[in-house]
Amino acid sequence: MKYANRMNNLGTETAFEVLARARELEAQGRNIVHLQIGEPDFDTPGNVTQAAIDALKKGETHYTPSAGILPLRQTIADYIAKDRGMKVAAENVVVTPGGKPVLFYTIFACVNPGDEVIYPNPGFPIYESVIELVGATPVPIPLREQNEFRLDVKELEKLITPKTTMIILNSPHNPTGSVLTDKDLEQIAALAVKHDLWVLSDEIYSRIIYQGKHNTIAALPGMQQRTILMDGYSKTYAMTGWRLGYGVMEPQLAKHVARLCTNNHSCVTSAVQFAGIEALKGPQESVTKMVAEFQRRRGVIVEGINRIKGFKCLMPHGAFYAFPNIRDTGLKAKELQVQLLEKAGVALLAGTAFGAHGEGYLRFSYANSVENLRKALERIKKASTKWTSRTVQTA
């Protein structure tokens, strides 16, 4: 049988491949510490779950408008207006099954074949995948350790050409945990206005930030009409399996995206949308406690990583990932990823899972208990004696 050529351009997420292999090892009786999946290890808040149950009991089991029910869209608009300091209405909001459809639909609606899209590398692998799928050219902007994994605005400016249509931002950032500064956002905004570019701002980790306040480029002068703000419930409310996200964008683009929703998934599960209202309007103590726990774990994981020979790790400012430099081990990132899983029982990701500029790094997700983080660190430290001796011999 023949398949469409476009499937050759569609990538994947290595995290799910590593998870599958880890499950195989567990089925063989191995104990594996999971640090590979970007998923909070907390339960969805009880009030949110109860709101979905109540909606189901009330018969909220039917189709809804493709863009989402009006009460949820208005709730999101009110939340974004208050949290990000923007004037937002329900007509700016499209509700989707997770954040990824916002990424997919807006690139599909705004980028033509042959256009260029600048995206962070290392970065979420689906960015590059979708850019290529629509026939555009992905242009990586390297995120370098010496700049705390924030993009260099001068380097960004050099990458902009007449074919550039969109810039993708992600702050707080996956996989490095970096956070763009207000100055960064202002300079990027100036370039976007100057060159008439779309900006897709992935803000899925907006509430998981350890100092200061999260700001969005969309709130800067001249930016709301050209910015697609992507956010959702998966990380903030531990709702990865609920599949609930949203995009905030100018009204005409919202109409285009809603038509793509109609053509693809029809609508988000109705009861889930009512849970989304409760999540934003209800108590936020669970979010505060979760972020505080992530901050505690951040200290444990970074301190522990920096005690392992061959590892050096900056302190992340947001999200729940550590991104250590492992070049002094003498091993490639993918080779070390495989060794740590197969030999040490620790599942994590090579930096190259997030792009070519991730070589020389590993991503640790510290969305796991302190007990398991310490267990993983001890296993890696024990394994490090082998690559340390190898490095000496090679030298």
Protein backbone atom coordinates (compact mmCIF):
# COMPACT_ATOMS: atom_id res chain seq x y z
CA MET A 1 0.00 0.00 0.00
CA LYS A 2 1.10 3.58 -0.68
CA TYR A 3 1.09 6.39 1.86
CA ALA A 4 1.05 10.15 1.43
CA ASN A 5 4.48 11.75 1.09
CA ARG A 6 3.62 14.27 3.79
CA MET A 7 3.89 11.53 6.41
CA ASN A 8 7.64 11.59 5.84
CA ASN A 9 7.66 15.11 7.28
CA LEU A 10 5.72 14.32 10.45
CA GLY A 11 7.80 13.94 13.60
CA THR A 12 6.96 12.56 17.03
CA GLU A 13 7.73 12.97 20.72
CA THR A 14 10.63 10.86 21.98
CA ALA A 15 9.19 10.98 25.50
CA PHE A 16 6.48 8.51 24.51
CA GLU A 17 9.02 6.19 22.87
CA VAL A 18 11.17 6.19 26.02
CA LEU A 19 8.05 5.60 28.11
CA ALA A 20 7.17 2.55 25.99
CA ARG A 21 10.65 1.08 26.46
CA ALA A 22 10.54 1.81 30.19
CA ARG A 23 7.23 -0.06 30.43
CA GLU A 24 8.80 -3.04 28.64
CA LEU A 25 11.59 -3.12 31.22
CA GLU A 26 9.09 -2.84 34.07
CA ALA A 27 7.16 -5.77 32.61
CA GLN A 28 10.42 -7.74 32.92
CA GLY A 29 10.57 -6.94 36.63
CA ARG A 30 12.90 -3.91 36.46
CA ASN A 31 12.37 -0.89 38.70
CA ILE A 32 12.41 2.30 36.62
CA VAL A 33 12.39 5.89 37.89
CA HIS A 34 10.40 7.97 35.39
CA LEU A 35 11.86 11.40 34.70
CA GLN A 36 11.01 11.53 30.99
CA ILE A 37 7.36 12.62 30.74
CA GLY A 38 6.32 16.26 31.13
CA GLU A 39 3.30 15.51 33.28
CA PRO A 40 2.56 16.71 36.83
CA ASP A 41 2.42 13.78 39.25
CA PHE A 42 -0.49 15.35 41.12
CA ASP A 43 -4.20 14.58 40.91
CA THR A 44 -6.62 16.98 39.26
CA PRO A 45 -8.14 19.17 42.02
CA GLY A 46 -11.26 17.57 43.48
CA ASN A 47 -13.52 20.55 42.77
CA VAL A 48 -12.61 20.39 39.08
CA THR A 49 -13.34 16.68 38.85
CA GLN A 50 -16.63 17.18 40.68
CA ALA A 51 -17.65 19.92 38.24
CA ALA A 52 -17.27 17.45 35.36
CA ILE A 53 -19.25 14.80 37.24
CA ASP A 54 -22.03 17.29 37.97
CA ALA A 55 -22.11 18.33 34.30
CA LEU A 56 -22.43 14.71 33.20
CA LYS A 57 -25.29 14.13 35.64
CA LYS A 58 -27.04 17.21 34.25
CA GLY A 59 -26.88 15.76 30.76
CA GLU A 60 -24.02 17.84 29.38
CA THR A 61 -23.08 15.06 26.96
CA HIS A 62 -23.86 16.60 23.59
CA TYR A 63 -22.16 18.66 20.88
CA THR A 64 -21.14 22.19 21.72
CA PRO A 65 -20.05 25.04 19.43
CA SER A 66 -16.71 24.17 17.84
CA ALA A 67 -14.96 27.12 19.48
CA GLY A 68 -16.23 26.08 22.91
CA ILE A 69 -19.21 26.96 25.06
CA LEU A 70 -19.65 30.69 25.63
CA PRO A 71 -19.41 30.50 29.48
CA LEU A 72 -15.97 28.84 29.21
CA ARG A 73 -14.73 31.20 26.52
CA GLN A 74 -15.83 34.18 28.61
CA THR A 75 -14.20 32.70 31.71
CA ILE A 76 -10.92 32.27 29.82
CA ALA A 77 -11.19 35.80 28.41
CA ASP A 78 -11.72 37.23 31.90
CA TYR A 79 -8.82 35.20 33.28
CA ILE A 80 -6.39 36.25 30.55
CA ALA A 81 -7.48 39.89 30.80
CA LYS A 82 -6.76 39.90 34.53
CA ASP A 83 -3.65 37.69 34.53
CA ARG A 84 -1.87 39.11 31.46
CA GLY A 85 -3.16 42.69 31.51
CA MET A 86 -4.93 42.50 28.14
CA LYS A 87 -8.34 43.44 26.83
CA VAL A 88 -9.83 40.09 25.77
CA ALA A 89 -13.35 39.05 24.78
CA ALA A 90 -14.93 35.65 24.24
CA GLU A 91 -14.64 36.17 20.47
CA ASN A 92 -10.84 36.03 20.86
CA VAL A 93 -10.91 32.57 22.44
CA VAL A 94 -11.01 29.12 20.85
CA VAL A 95 -11.17 26.07 23.13
CA THR A 96 -9.33 22.96 21.94
CA PRO A 97 -8.58 19.40 23.11
CA GLY A 98 -5.22 20.31 24.65
CA GLY A 99 -2.74 22.95 23.58
CA LYS A 100 -1.33 21.13 20.54
CA PRO A 101 -4.34 21.81 18.28
CA VAL A 102 -3.80 25.56 18.77
CA LEU A 103 -0.26 25.09 17.51
CA PHE A 104 -1.40 22.93 14.60
CA TYR A 105 -4.43 24.98 13.56
CA THR A 106 -2.80 28.40 13.72
CA ILE A 107 0.27 27.33 11.75
CA PHE A 108 -2.09 25.70 9.24
CA ALA A 109 -4.15 28.91 9.01
CA CYS A 110 -1.29 31.44 8.91
CA VAL A 111 1.67 29.77 7.17
CA ASN A 112 1.89 28.90 3.47
CA PRO A 113 4.17 26.35 1.77
CA GLY A 114 7.57 27.95 1.23
CA ASP A 115 7.21 30.35 4.16
CA GLU A 116 9.77 30.32 6.97
CA VAL A 117 8.94 29.91 10.65
CA ILE A 118 11.52 30.62 13.34
CA TYR A 119 11.28 28.34 16.35
CA PRO A 120 13.38 27.66 19.49
CA ASN A 121 15.91 24.82 19.35
CA PRO A 122 16.15 22.94 21.63
CA GLY A 123 12.39 23.15 21.92
CA PHE A 124 9.11 21.26 21.90
CA PRO A 125 9.56 18.85 18.95
CA ILE A 126 6.05 19.34 17.58
CA TYR A 127 6.94 22.89 16.49
CA GLU A 128 9.34 21.66 13.82
CA SER A 129 7.08 18.74 12.95
CA VAL A 130 4.03 20.88 12.15
CA ILE A 131 6.05 23.53 10.29
CA GLU A 132 7.38 20.85 7.96
CA LEU A 133 3.98 19.19 7.60
CA VAL A 134 2.44 22.36 6.12
CA GLY A 135 5.31 22.63 3.62
CA ALA A 136 7.05 25.55 5.31
CA THR A 137 10.72 25.78 6.25
CA PRO A 138 11.60 25.48 9.95
CA VAL A 139 14.35 27.93 10.93
CA PRO A 140 15.88 27.12 14.34
CA ILE A 141 16.95 29.88 16.70
CA PRO A 142 19.55 28.26 18.99
CA LEU A 143 19.04 28.57 22.75
CA ARG A 144 22.48 28.68 24.31
CA GLU A 145 23.56 27.85 27.84
CA GLN A 146 25.72 31.01 28.07
CA ASN A 147 22.53 33.05 27.60
CA GLU A 148 20.62 30.97 30.20
CA PHE A 149 18.85 29.26 27.28
CA ARG A 150 17.06 32.47 26.26
CA LEU A 151 17.09 33.33 22.58
CA ASP A 152 19.55 35.99 21.45
CA VAL A 153 17.49 38.80 19.91
CA LYS A 154 20.38 39.94 17.68
CA GLU A 155 20.69 36.40 16.33
CA LEU A 156 16.92 36.28 15.85
CA GLU A 157 17.01 39.47 13.78
CA LYS A 158 19.61 37.96 11.44
CA LEU A 159 17.36 34.94 10.81
CA ILE A 160 14.40 37.04 9.62
CA THR A 161 14.03 37.10 5.83
CA PRO A 162 11.27 38.24 3.43
CA LYS A 163 9.93 34.68 3.65
CA THR A 164 9.59 34.73 7.45
CA THR A 165 5.93 34.55 8.48
CA MET A 166 5.97 33.55 12.14
CA ILE A 167 8.11 33.37 15.26
CA ILE A 168 7.35 30.73 17.90
CA LEU A 169 8.13 31.54 21.52
CA ASN A 170 7.90 29.29 24.58
CA SER A 171 8.33 30.85 28.02
CA PRO A 172 8.63 29.28 30.56
CA HIS A 173 10.49 26.92 28.28
CA ASN A 174 10.45 23.20 27.66
CA PRO A 175 13.05 21.57 27.91
CA THR A 176 15.40 24.10 29.55
CA GLY A 177 13.23 25.85 32.14
CA SER A 178 14.35 29.27 30.86
CA VAL A 179 12.15 32.37 31.08
CA LEU A 180 12.29 35.32 28.69
CA THR A 181 12.87 38.70 30.34
CA ASP A 182 10.68 41.74 29.84
CA LYS A 183 13.50 43.26 27.75
CA ASP A 184 13.61 40.13 25.59
CA LEU A 185 9.87 40.35 24.95
CA GLU A 186 10.04 44.06 24.11
CA GLN A 187 12.84 43.54 21.59
CA ILE A 188 11.14 40.54 19.98
CA ALA A 189 7.89 42.53 19.76
CA ALA A 190 9.69 45.37 17.99
CA LEU A 191 11.00 42.91 15.38
CA ALA A 192 7.55 41.34 14.92
CA VAL A 193 5.96 44.75 14.30
CA LYS A 194 8.78 45.89 12.04
CA HIS A 195 8.60 42.80 9.82
CA ASP A 196 4.81 42.23 10.13
CA LEU A 197 5.14 38.77 11.66
CA TRP A 198 2.82 36.46 13.53
CA VAL A 199 4.03 35.38 16.97
CA LEU A 200 2.85 32.07 18.39
CA SER A 201 3.46 32.34 22.13
CA ASP A 202 3.33 28.96 23.88
CA GLU A 203 2.53 29.82 27.51
CA ILE A 204 1.43 26.41 28.75
CA TYR A 205 3.78 26.72 31.77
CA SER A 206 2.68 30.27 32.61
CA ARG A 207 1.69 29.43 36.19
CA ILE A 208 4.80 27.36 36.94
CA ILE A 209 7.31 30.12 37.50
CA TYR A 210 9.57 30.52 40.53
CA GLN A 211 10.29 34.23 40.72
CA GLY A 212 8.55 37.33 39.47
CA LYS A 213 5.40 37.32 37.37
CA HIS A 214 4.72 35.75 34.01
CA ASN A 215 4.30 38.33 31.27
CA THR A 216 3.13 37.82 27.71
CA ILE A 217 4.35 39.44 24.52
CA ALA A 218 0.70 39.75 23.48
CA ALA A 219 0.17 42.55 25.99
CA LEU A 220 2.82 44.80 24.44
CA PRO A 221 1.84 47.66 22.09
CA GLY A 222 0.93 46.49 18.60
CA MET A 223 1.18 42.80 19.52
CA GLN A 224 -2.28 41.55 20.47
CA GLN A 225 -3.54 41.48 16.88
CA ARG A 226 -0.47 39.53 15.68
CA THR A 227 0.00 37.18 18.66
CA ILE A 228 -1.54 33.74 19.16
CA LEU A 229 -1.42 33.06 22.89
CA MET A 230 -1.51 29.32 23.56
CA ASP A 231 -2.29 28.05 27.06
CA GLY A 232 -4.23 25.28 28.73
CA TYR A 233 -5.02 23.20 31.77
CA SER A 234 -2.66 20.22 31.49
CA LYS A 235 0.28 21.55 33.52
CA THR A 236 -1.37 24.05 35.85
CA TYR A 237 -4.21 21.81 37.02
CA ALA A 238 -2.65 18.38 36.40
CA MET A 239 -5.21 17.71 33.66
CA THR A 240 -3.06 16.15 30.92
CA GLY A 241 -5.57 13.38 30.25
CA TRP A 242 -8.55 15.72 30.15
CA ARG A 243 -7.29 17.33 26.92
CA LEU A 244 -8.30 20.93 27.47
CA GLY A 245 -6.44 23.92 26.06
CA TYR A 246 -7.18 27.20 24.35
CA GLY A 247 -5.85 29.88 22.06
CA VAL A 248 -6.35 33.62 22.37
CA MET A 249 -6.08 35.43 19.04
CA GLU A 250 -7.60 38.16 16.88
CA PRO A 251 -11.27 37.47 16.03
CA GLN A 252 -10.89 36.70 12.32
CA LEU A 253 -8.19 34.12 12.98
CA ALA A 254 -10.38 32.69 15.75
CA LYS A 255 -13.13 32.11 13.17
CA HIS A 256 -10.70 30.31 10.85
CA VAL A 257 -9.45 28.15 13.71
CA ALA A 258 -13.01 27.35 14.78
CA ARG A 259 -13.70 26.07 11.24
CA LEU A 260 -10.64 23.84 11.50
CA CYS A 261 -12.05 22.56 14.79
CA THR A 262 -15.33 21.78 13.04
CA ASN A 263 -13.52 19.87 10.32
CA ASN A 264 -11.32 17.90 12.70
CA HIS A 265 -12.61 17.22 16.22
CA SER A 266 -16.06 18.96 16.17
CA CYS A 267 -15.76 20.18 19.76
CA VAL A 268 -14.13 19.55 23.11
CA THR A 269 -15.98 17.09 25.37
CA SER A 270 -18.82 19.10 26.87
CA ALA A 271 -18.42 18.02 30.51
CA VAL A 272 -14.69 18.78 30.34
CA GLN A 273 -15.51 22.36 29.36
CA PHE A 274 -17.55 22.82 32.54
CA ALA A 275 -14.58 21.48 34.52
CA GLY A 276 -12.51 24.17 32.81
CA ILE A 277 -14.78 26.89 34.13
CA GLU A 278 -14.44 25.59 37.68
CA ALA A 279 -10.66 25.28 37.39
CA LEU A 280 -10.26 28.98 36.60
CA LYS A 281 -13.01 30.30 38.88
CA GLY A 282 -12.53 27.95 41.83
CA PRO A 283 -9.90 27.84 44.60
CA GLN A 284 -6.28 28.07 43.42
CA GLU A 285 -4.59 26.63 46.53
CA SER A 286 -3.77 23.37 44.74
CA VAL A 287 -1.81 25.29 42.09
CA THR A 288 0.09 27.25 44.74
CA LYS A 289 0.99 24.06 46.63
CA MET A 290 2.03 22.24 43.45
CA VAL A 291 4.34 25.05 42.34
CA ALA A 292 5.86 25.24 45.84
CA GLU A 293 6.55 21.50 45.71
CA PHE A 294 8.10 21.80 42.25
CA GLN A 295 10.33 24.55 43.61
CA ARG A 296 11.47 22.26 46.44
CA ARG A 297 12.18 19.46 43.98
CA ARG A 298 14.05 21.88 41.71
CA GLY A 299 16.53 22.49 44.51
CA VAL A 300 16.98 18.78 45.13
CA ILE A 301 17.47 17.82 41.48
CA VAL A 302 19.83 20.67 40.52
CA GLU A 303 21.98 20.26 43.61
CA GLY A 304 22.13 16.49 43.06
CA ILE A 305 22.94 16.80 39.35
CA ASN A 306 25.81 19.17 40.04
CA ARG A 307 27.38 16.58 42.34
CA ILE A 308 27.62 14.03 39.51
CA LYS A 309 30.91 13.94 37.63
CA GLY A 310 30.53 15.17 34.09
CA PHE A 311 27.28 17.06 34.76
CA LYS A 312 26.71 20.83 35.07
CA CYS A 313 23.22 22.25 35.51
CA LEU A 314 21.83 25.78 35.56
CA MET A 315 18.93 26.58 37.88
CA PRO A 316 15.68 26.63 35.82
CA HIS A 317 13.39 29.61 36.34
CA GLY A 318 10.12 27.97 35.28
CA ALA A 319 8.35 24.75 34.20
CA PHE A 320 9.55 21.51 35.87
CA TYR A 321 12.62 20.52 33.88
CA ALA A 322 16.35 20.53 34.52
CA PHE A 323 18.62 20.59 31.46
CA PRO A 324 22.17 19.66 32.49
CA ASN A 325 25.25 19.88 30.28
CA ILE A 326 26.72 16.35 30.05
CA ARG A 327 29.57 16.96 27.58
CA ASP A 328 32.24 16.16 30.17
CA THR A 329 30.96 12.58 30.36
CA GLY A 330 32.43 11.98 26.91
CA LEU A 331 29.13 10.50 25.72
CA LYS A 332 26.55 11.69 23.21
CA ALA A 333 23.18 12.61 24.68
CA LYS A 334 21.27 9.73 23.06
CA GLU A 335 23.94 7.22 24.11
CA LEU A 336 23.73 8.40 27.71
CA GLN A 337 19.92 8.35 27.61
CA VAL A 338 19.96 4.69 26.55
CA GLN A 339 22.63 3.69 29.08
CA LEU A 340 20.83 5.31 31.99
CA LEU A 341 17.58 3.58 31.12
CA GLU A 342 18.96 0.14 30.30
CA LYS A 343 21.69 -0.04 32.93
CA ALA A 344 20.66 2.32 35.71
CA GLY A 345 16.86 2.17 35.51
CA VAL A 346 16.39 5.92 35.04
CA ALA A 347 14.16 7.11 32.18
CA LEU A 348 14.99 10.59 30.90
CA LEU A 349 15.47 12.28 27.54
CA ALA A 350 18.45 13.21 25.40
CA GLY A 351 18.59 16.89 24.58
CA THR A 352 18.52 15.90 20.91
CA ALA A 353 14.91 14.80 21.40
CA PHE A 354 14.27 18.56 21.31
CA GLY A 355 16.42 19.38 18.30
CA ALA A 356 19.99 19.31 17.08
CA HIS A 357 21.03 22.11 19.44
CA GLY A 358 20.14 19.85 22.37
CA GLU A 359 23.25 17.72 21.79
CA GLY A 360 25.38 17.61 24.93
CA TYR A 361 22.38 17.88 27.28
CA LEU A 362 19.77 15.70 29.00
CA ARG A 363 16.29 16.67 30.13
CA PHE A 364 15.18 15.66 33.61
CA SER A 365 11.51 16.09 34.45
CA TYR A 366 11.27 16.60 38.21
CA ALA A 367 7.54 15.87 38.19
CA ASN A 368 8.21 12.99 40.56
CA SER A 369 8.57 12.60 44.32
CA VAL A 370 11.69 13.79 46.15
CA GLU A 371 12.25 10.17 47.18
CA ASN A 372 12.31 9.05 43.54
CA LEU A 373 14.44 12.01 42.47
CA ARG A 374 17.05 11.07 45.05
CA LYS A 375 16.87 7.44 43.99
CA ALA A 376 17.46 8.46 40.36
CA LEU A 377 20.36 10.73 41.31
CA GLU A 378 22.01 7.95 43.30
CA ARG A 379 21.67 5.52 40.40
CA ILE A 380 23.14 8.04 37.95
CA LYS A 381 25.98 8.88 40.33
CA LYS A 382 26.81 5.19 40.65
CA ALA A 383 26.73 4.77 36.85
CA SER A 384 28.93 7.84 36.40
CA THR A 385 32.05 5.96 37.54
CA LYS A 386 31.91 3.99 34.28
CA TRP A 387 31.76 6.94 31.90
CA THR A 388 34.21 8.93 34.04
CA SER A 389 36.85 6.23 33.59
CA ARG A 390 35.99 6.03 29.89
CA THR A 391 36.50 9.78 29.51
CA VAL A 392 39.90 9.54 31.20
CA GLN A 393 40.93 6.68 28.90
CA THR A 394 39.75 8.57 25.82
CA ALA A 395 41.66 11.67 26.87
